[in-house]
C-alpha cells in the first residue's frame, strides 16, 4: 500500500528507495497508477509491478501504466474510490467483508456476491490488506506517532492499520511528548519504522519538470 492522492501525501523518497531495492512482482495498492516517470510510475516503468489495485489508473502523463497494461504486462483491479478506502479500513478493523451499493449493475459487479437489503441491491466487497504500507507524514516521534500535512493524510491512516509493516517518511522528528496527543492521527502502535526526510521532494514539481527517476 502506498499513501497519496495524486501528489498530495506521496512518499516519493520511500518509493524511489523501493525502486533501488529492486523488489519484483509487486502488487501496488494506491489511489492511482502513477504519473510522469517518477514515484509509482518509476516502479512500473522499471518492471517491478505485476498488479495495480486503484481507483484512477488514468491520470495526466500516466504513460508508464497505460503502456504496460495495453501490452498485457500488468494487471489492473479497478475499485471505486470510496470502496477502496472502506476495503482498507475494514481490514484494519478486522472486518473480512462488507456490502455496498456502489458498482451494482456495472462490470465491477461481475463475480461478486449480491444481496438485497430493504429493497436495495448491494455487492459484497472483501477487505484489503498488505504486507507493507509506505506513507508520508509531516511530524513523527521515535515511537511513530504521526501528524500529517492537511489533505496529505488521505489514505495513509487507514493503510497504516491494514498492513503488517508500516514504514513512514517524516519531515520532522519530534521529541517524545512534543506532539499534542489530540493532534496525533496515526498512533505509533501502527508504525514499525520511521525514516526522517527533512527536505522531501514534491512529486508534482518533478512531473512538471519532466524528471525521470533512474
N, C-alpha and C. Protein backbone atom coordinates (compact mmCIF):
# COMPACT_ATOMS: atom_id res chain seq x y z
N UNK A 1 0.85 -1.18 0.00
CA UNK A 1 0.00 0.00 0.00
C UNK A 1 0.88 1.24 0.00
N UNK A 2 0.53 2.20 -0.82
CA UNK A 2 1.30 3.44 -0.89
C UNK A 2 0.34 4.61 -0.74
N UNK A 3 0.56 5.42 0.28
CA UNK A 3 -0.30 6.57 0.52
C UNK A 3 -0.15 7.60 -0.59
N UNK A 4 -1.08 8.53 -0.60
CA UNK A 4 -1.02 9.59 -1.59
C UNK A 4 -2.31 9.70 -2.39
N UNK A 5 -2.62 10.92 -2.75
CA UNK A 5 -3.79 11.23 -3.56
C UNK A 5 -3.27 12.16 -4.64
N UNK A 6 -2.87 11.58 -5.80
CA UNK A 6 -2.08 12.36 -6.72
C UNK A 6 -0.74 12.62 -6.05
N UNK A 7 -0.29 13.86 -6.07
CA UNK A 7 0.99 14.19 -5.44
C UNK A 7 0.86 14.42 -3.94
N UNK A 8 -0.34 14.72 -3.45
CA UNK A 8 -0.53 15.02 -2.03
C UNK A 8 -0.29 13.78 -1.18
N UNK A 9 0.72 13.84 -0.35
CA UNK A 9 1.00 12.73 0.55
C UNK A 9 1.76 11.58 -0.06
N UNK A 10 2.26 11.75 -1.26
CA UNK A 10 3.01 10.67 -1.91
C UNK A 10 4.40 10.54 -1.28
N UNK A 11 4.76 9.37 -0.75
CA UNK A 11 6.08 9.19 -0.12
C UNK A 11 7.15 8.91 -1.17
N UNK A 12 7.50 9.92 -1.94
CA UNK A 12 8.36 9.74 -3.11
C UNK A 12 9.70 9.10 -2.75
N UNK A 13 10.32 9.57 -1.67
CA UNK A 13 11.63 9.03 -1.31
C UNK A 13 11.56 7.54 -0.98
N UNK A 14 10.50 7.12 -0.29
CA UNK A 14 10.35 5.70 0.03
C UNK A 14 10.10 4.88 -1.25
N UNK A 15 9.30 5.42 -2.15
CA UNK A 15 9.04 4.72 -3.41
C UNK A 15 10.32 4.55 -4.21
N UNK A 16 11.12 5.60 -4.28
CA UNK A 16 12.37 5.52 -5.03
C UNK A 16 13.38 4.60 -4.36
N UNK A 17 13.32 4.50 -3.03
CA UNK A 17 14.15 3.52 -2.33
C UNK A 17 13.73 2.11 -2.72
N UNK A 18 12.43 1.92 -2.93
CA UNK A 18 11.93 0.62 -3.36
C UNK A 18 12.37 0.31 -4.79
N UNK A 19 12.42 1.34 -5.63
CA UNK A 19 12.96 1.16 -6.98
C UNK A 19 14.41 0.68 -6.89
N UNK A 20 15.20 1.35 -6.05
CA UNK A 20 16.60 0.98 -5.89
C UNK A 20 16.75 -0.42 -5.30
N UNK A 21 15.83 -0.80 -4.43
CA UNK A 21 15.88 -2.13 -3.81
C UNK A 21 15.74 -3.22 -4.86
N UNK A 22 14.87 -2.96 -5.85
CA UNK A 22 14.71 -3.91 -6.95
C UNK A 22 13.68 -4.99 -6.75
N UNK A 23 12.85 -4.90 -5.70
CA UNK A 23 11.82 -5.91 -5.47
C UNK A 23 10.93 -6.05 -6.70
N UNK A 24 10.55 -7.28 -7.02
CA UNK A 24 9.77 -7.55 -8.24
C UNK A 24 8.42 -8.16 -7.91
N UNK A 25 7.59 -8.24 -8.94
CA UNK A 25 6.27 -8.89 -8.85
C UNK A 25 5.42 -8.26 -7.75
N UNK A 26 5.47 -6.96 -7.65
CA UNK A 26 4.74 -6.24 -6.60
C UNK A 26 3.28 -6.02 -6.99
N UNK A 27 2.40 -6.09 -6.01
CA UNK A 27 1.03 -5.61 -6.15
C UNK A 27 0.96 -4.27 -5.43
N UNK A 28 0.65 -3.21 -6.17
CA UNK A 28 0.60 -1.86 -5.60
C UNK A 28 -0.85 -1.45 -5.38
N UNK A 29 -1.14 -1.00 -4.17
CA UNK A 29 -2.47 -0.50 -3.81
C UNK A 29 -2.34 0.99 -3.56
N UNK A 30 -3.00 1.77 -4.39
CA UNK A 30 -2.88 3.23 -4.31
C UNK A 30 -4.12 3.84 -4.93
N UNK A 31 -4.32 5.13 -4.74
CA UNK A 31 -5.46 5.79 -5.37
C UNK A 31 -5.34 5.83 -6.88
N UNK A 32 -4.10 5.87 -7.41
CA UNK A 32 -3.90 5.95 -8.86
C UNK A 32 -2.72 5.08 -9.28
N UNK A 33 -2.42 5.08 -10.57
CA UNK A 33 -1.36 4.23 -11.10
C UNK A 33 -0.12 5.03 -11.49
N UNK A 34 0.06 6.18 -10.84
CA UNK A 34 1.26 6.96 -11.07
C UNK A 34 1.13 7.97 -12.20
N UNK A 35 2.01 8.96 -12.17
CA UNK A 35 2.05 10.00 -13.20
C UNK A 35 3.49 10.29 -13.57
N UNK A 36 3.68 10.77 -14.78
CA UNK A 36 5.03 11.09 -15.22
C UNK A 36 5.92 9.87 -15.23
N UNK A 37 7.19 10.07 -14.78
CA UNK A 37 8.16 8.97 -14.77
C UNK A 37 8.89 8.91 -13.43
N UNK A 38 8.16 9.30 -12.38
CA UNK A 38 8.70 9.24 -11.02
C UNK A 38 7.68 8.55 -10.12
N UNK A 39 8.07 8.27 -8.87
CA UNK A 39 7.14 7.65 -7.94
C UNK A 39 6.67 6.29 -8.42
N UNK A 40 5.38 6.04 -8.29
CA UNK A 40 4.80 4.75 -8.70
C UNK A 40 5.05 4.48 -10.17
N UNK A 41 4.99 5.52 -10.99
CA UNK A 41 5.26 5.34 -12.42
C UNK A 41 6.66 4.80 -12.66
N UNK A 42 7.64 5.23 -11.84
CA UNK A 42 9.01 4.73 -11.98
C UNK A 42 9.08 3.24 -11.63
N UNK A 43 8.34 2.84 -10.60
CA UNK A 43 8.27 1.42 -10.24
C UNK A 43 7.72 0.60 -11.40
N UNK A 44 6.65 1.10 -12.01
CA UNK A 44 6.01 0.39 -13.12
C UNK A 44 6.94 0.34 -14.32
N UNK A 45 7.54 1.47 -14.64
CA UNK A 45 8.43 1.55 -15.81
C UNK A 45 9.64 0.63 -15.64
N UNK A 46 10.03 0.39 -14.39
CA UNK A 46 11.18 -0.46 -14.11
C UNK A 46 10.81 -1.94 -14.01
N UNK A 47 9.60 -2.25 -14.43
CA UNK A 47 9.13 -3.66 -14.49
C UNK A 47 9.10 -4.34 -13.12
N UNK A 48 8.77 -3.58 -12.08
CA UNK A 48 8.72 -4.14 -10.74
C UNK A 48 7.31 -4.45 -10.27
N UNK A 49 6.31 -4.03 -11.05
CA UNK A 49 4.91 -4.16 -10.62
C UNK A 49 4.17 -5.11 -11.54
N UNK A 50 3.50 -6.11 -10.95
CA UNK A 50 2.70 -7.04 -11.74
C UNK A 50 1.21 -6.74 -11.68
N UNK A 51 0.78 -5.99 -10.64
CA UNK A 51 -0.65 -5.69 -10.50
C UNK A 51 -0.83 -4.37 -9.77
N UNK A 52 -1.83 -3.60 -10.21
CA UNK A 52 -2.19 -2.35 -9.55
C UNK A 52 -3.64 -2.44 -9.12
N UNK A 53 -3.92 -2.13 -7.86
CA UNK A 53 -5.28 -2.01 -7.35
C UNK A 53 -5.50 -0.54 -7.06
N UNK A 54 -6.39 0.10 -7.82
CA UNK A 54 -6.55 1.54 -7.67
C UNK A 54 -7.91 2.00 -8.18
N UNK A 55 -8.18 3.29 -8.02
CA UNK A 55 -9.43 3.89 -8.48
C UNK A 55 -9.26 4.67 -9.77
N UNK A 56 -8.08 5.27 -9.97
CA UNK A 56 -7.85 6.13 -11.12
C UNK A 56 -6.57 5.72 -11.85
N UNK A 57 -6.66 4.72 -12.73
CA UNK A 57 -5.46 4.28 -13.44
C UNK A 57 -4.99 5.27 -14.49
N UNK A 58 -5.87 6.16 -14.92
CA UNK A 58 -5.50 7.11 -15.97
C UNK A 58 -5.44 8.51 -15.40
N UNK A 59 -4.23 8.99 -15.23
CA UNK A 59 -4.02 10.37 -14.80
C UNK A 59 -3.14 11.07 -15.82
N UNK A 60 -2.95 12.36 -15.65
CA UNK A 60 -2.15 13.11 -16.61
C UNK A 60 -0.74 12.54 -16.70
N UNK A 61 -0.34 12.19 -17.90
CA UNK A 61 1.01 11.68 -18.10
C UNK A 61 1.25 10.30 -17.53
N UNK A 62 0.20 9.48 -17.47
CA UNK A 62 0.34 8.14 -16.89
C UNK A 62 0.70 7.10 -17.96
N UNK A 63 1.67 7.41 -18.80
CA UNK A 63 2.03 6.52 -19.90
C UNK A 63 2.64 5.21 -19.42
N UNK A 64 3.35 5.24 -18.31
CA UNK A 64 4.02 4.02 -17.83
C UNK A 64 3.01 2.91 -17.62
N UNK A 65 1.94 3.19 -16.88
CA UNK A 65 0.94 2.16 -16.65
C UNK A 65 0.19 1.82 -17.93
N UNK A 66 -0.23 2.83 -18.68
CA UNK A 66 -1.02 2.60 -19.89
C UNK A 66 -0.29 1.69 -20.87
N UNK A 67 0.99 1.93 -21.05
CA UNK A 67 1.77 1.12 -21.99
C UNK A 67 1.88 -0.33 -21.53
N UNK A 68 2.14 -0.53 -20.24
CA UNK A 68 2.25 -1.88 -19.71
C UNK A 68 0.91 -2.61 -19.77
N UNK A 69 -0.16 -1.89 -19.50
CA UNK A 69 -1.49 -2.50 -19.49
C UNK A 69 -1.89 -2.93 -20.90
N UNK A 70 -1.66 -2.07 -21.88
CA UNK A 70 -2.03 -2.40 -23.26
C UNK A 70 -1.24 -3.60 -23.78
N UNK A 71 -0.02 -3.77 -23.31
CA UNK A 71 0.81 -4.88 -23.78
C UNK A 71 0.61 -6.15 -22.95
N UNK A 72 -0.29 -6.08 -21.96
CA UNK A 72 -0.58 -7.25 -21.14
C UNK A 72 0.47 -7.57 -20.10
N UNK A 73 1.33 -6.60 -19.78
CA UNK A 73 2.41 -6.84 -18.83
C UNK A 73 2.02 -6.54 -17.39
N UNK A 74 0.84 -5.96 -17.19
CA UNK A 74 0.44 -5.58 -15.84
C UNK A 74 -1.07 -5.79 -15.70
N UNK A 75 -1.49 -6.18 -14.51
CA UNK A 75 -2.90 -6.45 -14.24
C UNK A 75 -3.50 -5.27 -13.48
N UNK A 76 -4.77 -5.00 -13.74
CA UNK A 76 -5.48 -3.92 -13.06
C UNK A 76 -6.71 -4.45 -12.35
N UNK A 77 -6.86 -4.07 -11.08
CA UNK A 77 -8.11 -4.28 -10.36
C UNK A 77 -8.67 -2.90 -10.06
N UNK A 78 -9.75 -2.56 -10.75
CA UNK A 78 -10.34 -1.23 -10.61
C UNK A 78 -11.35 -1.24 -9.46
N UNK A 79 -11.20 -0.29 -8.54
CA UNK A 79 -12.05 -0.23 -7.35
C UNK A 79 -12.55 1.20 -7.18
N UNK A 80 -13.86 1.42 -7.05
CA UNK A 80 -14.36 2.78 -6.78
C UNK A 80 -13.68 3.36 -5.55
N UNK A 81 -13.46 4.65 -5.56
CA UNK A 81 -12.62 5.28 -4.54
C UNK A 81 -13.12 5.05 -3.12
N UNK A 82 -14.41 5.27 -2.90
CA UNK A 82 -14.95 5.05 -1.56
C UNK A 82 -14.86 3.60 -1.13
N UNK A 83 -15.08 2.70 -2.08
CA UNK A 83 -14.97 1.27 -1.79
C UNK A 83 -13.53 0.90 -1.46
N UNK A 84 -12.58 1.49 -2.19
CA UNK A 84 -11.16 1.23 -1.91
C UNK A 84 -10.81 1.64 -0.49
N UNK A 85 -11.23 2.84 -0.09
CA UNK A 85 -10.95 3.32 1.26
C UNK A 85 -11.59 2.42 2.31
N UNK A 86 -12.82 1.98 2.05
CA UNK A 86 -13.52 1.14 3.02
C UNK A 86 -12.95 -0.27 3.08
N UNK A 87 -12.49 -0.80 1.95
CA UNK A 87 -11.86 -2.13 1.96
C UNK A 87 -10.60 -2.12 2.82
N UNK A 88 -9.84 -1.03 2.73
CA UNK A 88 -8.63 -0.90 3.53
C UNK A 88 -8.98 -0.70 5.00
N UNK A 89 -9.95 0.19 5.26
CA UNK A 89 -10.36 0.45 6.65
C UNK A 89 -10.89 -0.82 7.30
N UNK A 90 -11.67 -1.59 6.53
CA UNK A 90 -12.24 -2.83 7.07
C UNK A 90 -11.15 -3.81 7.48
N UNK A 91 -10.11 -3.91 6.67
CA UNK A 91 -9.00 -4.80 7.02
C UNK A 91 -8.37 -4.39 8.33
N UNK A 92 -8.16 -3.09 8.51
CA UNK A 92 -7.56 -2.60 9.75
C UNK A 92 -8.44 -2.83 10.96
N UNK A 93 -9.77 -2.89 10.73
CA UNK A 93 -10.72 -3.09 11.83
C UNK A 93 -11.05 -4.57 12.05
N UNK A 94 -10.41 -5.46 11.26
CA UNK A 94 -10.67 -6.88 11.41
C UNK A 94 -11.99 -7.35 10.82
N UNK A 95 -12.51 -6.59 9.85
CA UNK A 95 -13.78 -6.94 9.19
C UNK A 95 -13.45 -7.58 7.85
N UNK A 96 -13.84 -8.85 7.64
CA UNK A 96 -13.41 -9.54 6.42
C UNK A 96 -14.13 -9.10 5.16
N UNK A 97 -15.34 -8.57 5.28
CA UNK A 97 -16.11 -8.17 4.09
C UNK A 97 -17.25 -7.26 4.51
N UNK A 98 -17.82 -6.57 3.53
CA UNK A 98 -18.96 -5.68 3.80
C UNK A 98 -19.78 -5.56 2.53
N UNK A 99 -20.96 -4.97 2.63
CA UNK A 99 -21.83 -4.78 1.47
C UNK A 99 -21.94 -3.30 1.13
N UNK A 100 -21.94 -3.00 -0.17
CA UNK A 100 -22.06 -1.62 -0.64
C UNK A 100 -22.91 -1.59 -1.92
N UNK A 101 -23.70 -0.55 -2.13
CA UNK A 101 -24.47 -0.45 -3.38
C UNK A 101 -23.61 0.02 -4.55
N UNK A 102 -22.42 0.52 -4.27
CA UNK A 102 -21.55 1.02 -5.33
C UNK A 102 -21.14 -0.10 -6.28
N UNK A 103 -21.34 0.11 -7.56
CA UNK A 103 -20.94 -0.88 -8.56
C UNK A 103 -22.05 -1.80 -9.01
N UNK A 104 -23.19 -1.76 -8.34
CA UNK A 104 -24.32 -2.62 -8.74
C UNK A 104 -24.74 -2.28 -10.17
N UNK A 105 -24.92 -3.30 -11.00
CA UNK A 105 -25.35 -3.09 -12.37
C UNK A 105 -24.26 -2.68 -13.32
N UNK A 106 -23.00 -2.75 -12.89
CA UNK A 106 -21.88 -2.38 -13.75
C UNK A 106 -20.96 -3.59 -13.93
N UNK A 107 -19.93 -3.42 -14.75
CA UNK A 107 -18.96 -4.50 -14.96
C UNK A 107 -18.24 -4.87 -13.65
N UNK A 108 -18.17 -3.94 -12.72
CA UNK A 108 -17.49 -4.20 -11.46
C UNK A 108 -18.24 -5.19 -10.58
N UNK A 109 -19.48 -5.48 -10.95
CA UNK A 109 -20.28 -6.44 -10.17
C UNK A 109 -20.00 -7.89 -10.56
N UNK A 110 -19.33 -8.09 -11.66
CA UNK A 110 -19.09 -9.45 -12.15
C UNK A 110 -18.29 -10.27 -11.15
N UNK A 111 -18.82 -11.46 -10.84
CA UNK A 111 -18.14 -12.38 -9.95
C UNK A 111 -18.28 -12.07 -8.47
N UNK A 112 -19.07 -11.07 -8.12
CA UNK A 112 -19.23 -10.70 -6.71
C UNK A 112 -20.60 -11.13 -6.19
N UNK A 113 -20.63 -11.51 -4.95
CA UNK A 113 -21.90 -11.88 -4.32
C UNK A 113 -22.79 -10.65 -4.20
N UNK A 114 -24.07 -10.80 -4.54
CA UNK A 114 -25.02 -9.70 -4.44
C UNK A 114 -26.17 -10.09 -3.51
N UNK A 115 -26.62 -9.13 -2.73
CA UNK A 115 -27.76 -9.36 -1.83
C UNK A 115 -28.64 -8.12 -1.80
N UNK A 116 -29.88 -8.34 -1.45
CA UNK A 116 -30.84 -7.24 -1.37
C UNK A 116 -31.19 -7.01 0.09
N UNK A 117 -31.04 -5.76 0.55
CA UNK A 117 -31.42 -5.39 1.90
C UNK A 117 -32.44 -4.26 1.82
N UNK A 118 -33.61 -4.51 2.37
CA UNK A 118 -34.67 -3.47 2.40
C UNK A 118 -34.94 -2.88 1.03
N UNK A 119 -34.93 -3.74 0.02
CA UNK A 119 -35.28 -3.31 -1.33
C UNK A 119 -34.13 -2.71 -2.13
N UNK A 120 -32.94 -2.66 -1.57
CA UNK A 120 -31.78 -2.10 -2.28
C UNK A 120 -30.75 -3.20 -2.51
N UNK A 121 -30.20 -3.25 -3.72
CA UNK A 121 -29.19 -4.25 -4.05
C UNK A 121 -27.81 -3.80 -3.59
N UNK A 122 -27.03 -4.76 -3.12
CA UNK A 122 -25.68 -4.49 -2.63
C UNK A 122 -24.72 -5.55 -3.16
N UNK A 123 -23.46 -5.17 -3.26
CA UNK A 123 -22.39 -6.10 -3.60
C UNK A 123 -21.52 -6.35 -2.38
N UNK A 124 -21.05 -7.58 -2.24
CA UNK A 124 -20.11 -7.87 -1.17
C UNK A 124 -18.69 -7.56 -1.63
N UNK A 125 -17.97 -6.81 -0.83
CA UNK A 125 -16.59 -6.48 -1.11
C UNK A 125 -15.70 -7.02 0.01
N UNK A 126 -14.59 -7.64 -0.37
CA UNK A 126 -13.65 -8.17 0.61
C UNK A 126 -12.73 -7.08 1.11
N UNK A 127 -12.30 -7.21 2.35
CA UNK A 127 -11.34 -6.26 2.89
C UNK A 127 -10.00 -6.40 2.16
N UNK A 128 -9.15 -5.41 2.33
CA UNK A 128 -7.91 -5.34 1.56
C UNK A 128 -6.75 -5.00 2.50
N UNK A 129 -5.82 -5.95 2.63
CA UNK A 129 -4.66 -5.74 3.49
C UNK A 129 -3.38 -5.84 2.67
N UNK A 130 -2.24 -5.59 3.31
CA UNK A 130 -0.97 -5.61 2.58
C UNK A 130 0.16 -6.02 3.51
N UNK A 131 1.25 -6.44 2.91
CA UNK A 131 2.45 -6.76 3.69
C UNK A 131 3.12 -5.48 4.19
N UNK A 132 3.14 -4.46 3.33
CA UNK A 132 3.80 -3.20 3.68
C UNK A 132 2.91 -2.00 3.34
N UNK A 133 3.04 -0.95 4.12
CA UNK A 133 2.45 0.35 3.78
C UNK A 133 3.56 1.38 3.80
N UNK A 134 3.64 2.17 2.74
CA UNK A 134 4.59 3.28 2.66
C UNK A 134 3.79 4.57 2.76
N UNK A 135 4.06 5.36 3.78
CA UNK A 135 3.27 6.58 3.98
C UNK A 135 4.20 7.77 4.28
N UNK A 136 3.64 8.95 4.15
CA UNK A 136 4.39 10.19 4.37
C UNK A 136 3.69 11.02 5.44
N UNK A 137 4.46 11.46 6.43
CA UNK A 137 3.89 12.32 7.47
C UNK A 137 4.68 13.62 7.56
N UNK A 138 4.09 14.57 8.22
CA UNK A 138 4.80 15.84 8.44
C UNK A 138 5.65 15.74 9.71
N UNK A 139 5.06 15.17 10.77
CA UNK A 139 5.76 15.05 12.04
C UNK A 139 5.63 13.64 12.58
N UNK A 140 6.66 13.21 13.27
CA UNK A 140 6.64 11.93 13.96
C UNK A 140 7.57 12.01 15.16
N UNK A 141 7.31 11.19 16.17
CA UNK A 141 8.31 10.97 17.21
C UNK A 141 8.90 9.58 16.98
N UNK A 142 9.86 9.19 17.81
CA UNK A 142 10.52 7.91 17.55
C UNK A 142 9.63 6.72 17.83
N UNK A 143 8.47 6.93 18.48
CA UNK A 143 7.51 5.85 18.67
C UNK A 143 6.60 5.69 17.46
N UNK A 144 6.65 6.66 16.54
CA UNK A 144 5.84 6.56 15.33
C UNK A 144 4.48 7.22 15.42
N UNK A 145 4.26 8.07 16.39
CA UNK A 145 3.01 8.85 16.42
C UNK A 145 3.08 9.89 15.32
N UNK A 146 2.04 9.93 14.47
CA UNK A 146 2.13 10.71 13.24
C UNK A 146 1.14 11.87 13.18
N UNK A 147 1.62 12.97 12.59
CA UNK A 147 0.79 14.12 12.22
C UNK A 147 1.00 14.34 10.73
N UNK A 148 -0.07 14.49 9.98
CA UNK A 148 0.03 14.67 8.53
C UNK A 148 -0.15 16.14 8.16
N UNK A 149 0.15 16.44 6.92
CA UNK A 149 0.01 17.80 6.42
C UNK A 149 -1.29 17.92 5.62
N UNK A 150 -2.33 18.40 6.29
CA UNK A 150 -3.63 18.66 5.65
C UNK A 150 -4.13 17.43 4.87
N UNK A 151 -4.44 17.60 3.58
CA UNK A 151 -5.02 16.50 2.81
C UNK A 151 -4.01 15.40 2.49
N UNK A 152 -2.77 15.59 2.85
CA UNK A 152 -1.77 14.54 2.64
C UNK A 152 -2.06 13.32 3.51
N UNK A 153 -2.99 13.45 4.45
CA UNK A 153 -3.31 12.29 5.28
C UNK A 153 -4.15 11.28 4.51
N UNK A 154 -4.94 11.72 3.52
CA UNK A 154 -5.80 10.90 2.65
C UNK A 154 -5.88 9.43 3.05
N UNK A 155 -5.23 8.53 2.31
CA UNK A 155 -5.33 7.09 2.57
C UNK A 155 -4.37 6.60 3.65
N UNK A 156 -3.40 7.40 4.03
CA UNK A 156 -2.32 6.91 4.89
C UNK A 156 -2.78 6.36 6.25
N UNK A 157 -3.68 7.02 6.98
CA UNK A 157 -4.07 6.48 8.29
C UNK A 157 -4.69 5.08 8.20
N UNK A 158 -5.56 4.84 7.22
CA UNK A 158 -6.17 3.51 7.13
C UNK A 158 -5.18 2.48 6.61
N UNK A 159 -4.28 2.90 5.72
CA UNK A 159 -3.27 1.97 5.22
C UNK A 159 -2.36 1.51 6.35
N UNK A 160 -2.03 2.41 7.27
CA UNK A 160 -1.16 2.04 8.39
C UNK A 160 -1.80 0.95 9.24
N UNK A 161 -3.10 0.96 9.37
CA UNK A 161 -3.78 -0.04 10.20
C UNK A 161 -3.95 -1.37 9.47
N UNK A 162 -3.86 -1.37 8.14
CA UNK A 162 -4.19 -2.55 7.34
C UNK A 162 -2.98 -3.28 6.81
N UNK A 163 -1.79 -2.92 7.26
CA UNK A 163 -0.57 -3.56 6.76
C UNK A 163 0.18 -4.24 7.89
N UNK A 164 0.97 -5.24 7.52
CA UNK A 164 1.79 -5.92 8.51
C UNK A 164 2.95 -5.06 8.98
N UNK A 165 3.52 -4.28 8.06
CA UNK A 165 4.65 -3.41 8.38
C UNK A 165 4.42 -2.04 7.77
N UNK A 166 4.41 -1.01 8.59
CA UNK A 166 4.21 0.36 8.12
C UNK A 166 5.53 1.12 8.21
N UNK A 167 5.97 1.65 7.08
CA UNK A 167 7.20 2.43 7.00
C UNK A 167 6.82 3.87 6.67
N UNK A 168 7.30 4.80 7.46
CA UNK A 168 6.91 6.20 7.33
C UNK A 168 8.12 7.06 7.01
N UNK A 169 7.96 7.98 6.05
CA UNK A 169 8.94 9.04 5.89
C UNK A 169 8.36 10.30 6.50
N UNK A 170 9.12 10.91 7.40
CA UNK A 170 8.63 12.07 8.14
C UNK A 170 9.57 13.25 7.96
N UNK A 171 8.98 14.42 7.76
CA UNK A 171 9.81 15.61 7.58
C UNK A 171 10.47 16.06 8.88
N UNK A 172 9.73 15.95 9.97
CA UNK A 172 10.27 16.38 11.27
C UNK A 172 10.19 15.24 12.27
N UNK A 173 11.27 15.02 13.01
CA UNK A 173 11.27 14.06 14.10
C UNK A 173 11.24 14.84 15.41
N UNK A 174 10.15 14.65 16.14
CA UNK A 174 9.94 15.41 17.37
C UNK A 174 10.36 14.60 18.59
N UNK A 175 10.68 15.31 19.66
CA UNK A 175 10.98 14.64 20.92
C UNK A 175 9.72 13.99 21.46
N UNK A 176 9.90 12.92 22.23
CA UNK A 176 8.74 12.26 22.83
C UNK A 176 8.00 13.25 23.72
N UNK A 177 6.69 13.30 23.55
CA UNK A 177 5.87 14.22 24.33
C UNK A 177 5.69 15.57 23.69
N UNK A 178 6.41 15.86 22.58
CA UNK A 178 6.32 17.17 21.94
C UNK A 178 5.08 17.30 21.07
N UNK A 179 4.51 16.18 20.65
CA UNK A 179 3.30 16.22 19.83
C UNK A 179 2.08 16.14 20.74
N UNK A 180 1.20 17.10 20.63
CA UNK A 180 -0.05 17.09 21.40
C UNK A 180 -0.82 15.82 21.04
N UNK A 181 -1.17 14.99 22.03
CA UNK A 181 -1.92 13.76 21.73
C UNK A 181 -3.19 14.00 20.95
N UNK A 182 -3.79 15.18 21.11
CA UNK A 182 -5.02 15.49 20.37
C UNK A 182 -4.75 15.71 18.88
N UNK A 183 -3.49 15.90 18.51
CA UNK A 183 -3.12 16.14 17.12
C UNK A 183 -2.64 14.87 16.41
N UNK A 184 -2.42 13.82 17.17
CA UNK A 184 -1.94 12.57 16.58
C UNK A 184 -3.06 11.91 15.77
N UNK A 185 -2.79 11.64 14.50
CA UNK A 185 -3.76 10.99 13.62
C UNK A 185 -3.53 9.48 13.59
N UNK A 186 -2.28 9.07 13.44
CA UNK A 186 -1.93 7.65 13.47
C UNK A 186 -1.09 7.38 14.71
N UNK A 187 -1.60 6.58 15.65
CA UNK A 187 -0.81 6.24 16.84
C UNK A 187 0.38 5.35 16.47
N UNK A 188 1.44 5.46 17.25
CA UNK A 188 2.64 4.70 16.99
C UNK A 188 2.44 3.19 17.00
N UNK A 189 1.36 2.73 17.59
CA UNK A 189 1.04 1.30 17.60
C UNK A 189 1.03 0.71 16.20
N UNK A 190 0.67 1.54 15.21
CA UNK A 190 0.53 1.06 13.83
C UNK A 190 1.78 1.31 12.97
N UNK A 191 2.82 1.86 13.56
CA UNK A 191 4.01 2.23 12.79
C UNK A 191 5.20 1.38 13.22
N UNK A 192 5.93 0.86 12.24
CA UNK A 192 7.07 0.00 12.53
C UNK A 192 8.42 0.68 12.32
N UNK A 193 8.49 1.56 11.32
CA UNK A 193 9.77 2.20 11.01
C UNK A 193 9.53 3.66 10.61
N UNK A 194 10.41 4.53 11.05
CA UNK A 194 10.34 5.95 10.70
C UNK A 194 11.66 6.35 10.05
N UNK A 195 11.56 6.94 8.86
CA UNK A 195 12.73 7.45 8.15
C UNK A 195 12.58 8.96 8.05
N UNK A 196 13.56 9.70 8.55
CA UNK A 196 13.48 11.17 8.52
C UNK A 196 13.95 11.67 7.16
N UNK A 197 13.08 12.40 6.48
CA UNK A 197 13.40 13.03 5.19
C UNK A 197 13.12 14.52 5.37
N UNK A 198 14.12 15.31 5.78
CA UNK A 198 13.88 16.70 6.15
C UNK A 198 13.46 17.61 5.00
N UNK A 199 13.86 17.29 3.78
CA UNK A 199 13.50 18.13 2.63
C UNK A 199 12.91 17.26 1.52
N UNK A 200 11.70 16.75 1.71
CA UNK A 200 11.11 15.86 0.71
C UNK A 200 10.84 16.57 -0.60
N UNK A 201 11.05 15.83 -1.69
CA UNK A 201 10.75 16.42 -2.99
C UNK A 201 9.25 16.44 -3.20
N UNK A 202 8.80 17.32 -4.07
CA UNK A 202 7.38 17.42 -4.40
C UNK A 202 7.14 16.66 -5.70
N UNK A 203 6.31 15.62 -5.64
CA UNK A 203 6.08 14.80 -6.82
C UNK A 203 5.53 15.61 -7.98
N UNK A 204 4.60 16.52 -7.70
CA UNK A 204 4.01 17.33 -8.77
C UNK A 204 5.07 18.17 -9.47
N UNK A 205 6.02 18.72 -8.70
CA UNK A 205 7.09 19.53 -9.29
C UNK A 205 7.99 18.66 -10.18
N UNK A 206 8.28 17.44 -9.72
CA UNK A 206 9.10 16.54 -10.52
C UNK A 206 8.42 16.21 -11.85
N UNK A 207 7.12 15.97 -11.78
CA UNK A 207 6.37 15.64 -13.00
C UNK A 207 6.36 16.83 -13.95
N UNK A 208 6.14 18.04 -13.40
CA UNK A 208 6.13 19.25 -14.24
C UNK A 208 7.49 19.48 -14.90
N UNK A 209 8.55 19.10 -14.22
CA UNK A 209 9.90 19.28 -14.77
C UNK A 209 10.26 18.20 -15.77
N UNK A 210 9.41 17.17 -15.86
CA UNK A 210 9.72 16.06 -16.75
C UNK A 210 10.83 15.16 -16.22
N UNK A 211 10.99 15.14 -14.89
CA UNK A 211 12.05 14.35 -14.29
C UNK A 211 11.86 12.86 -14.54
N UNK A 212 12.98 12.15 -14.66
CA UNK A 212 12.98 10.70 -14.85
C UNK A 212 13.81 10.09 -13.73
N UNK A 213 13.22 9.13 -13.00
CA UNK A 213 13.99 8.51 -11.92
C UNK A 213 14.70 7.28 -12.43
N UNK A 214 15.99 7.23 -12.23
CA UNK A 214 16.81 6.07 -12.65
C UNK A 214 17.61 5.57 -11.46
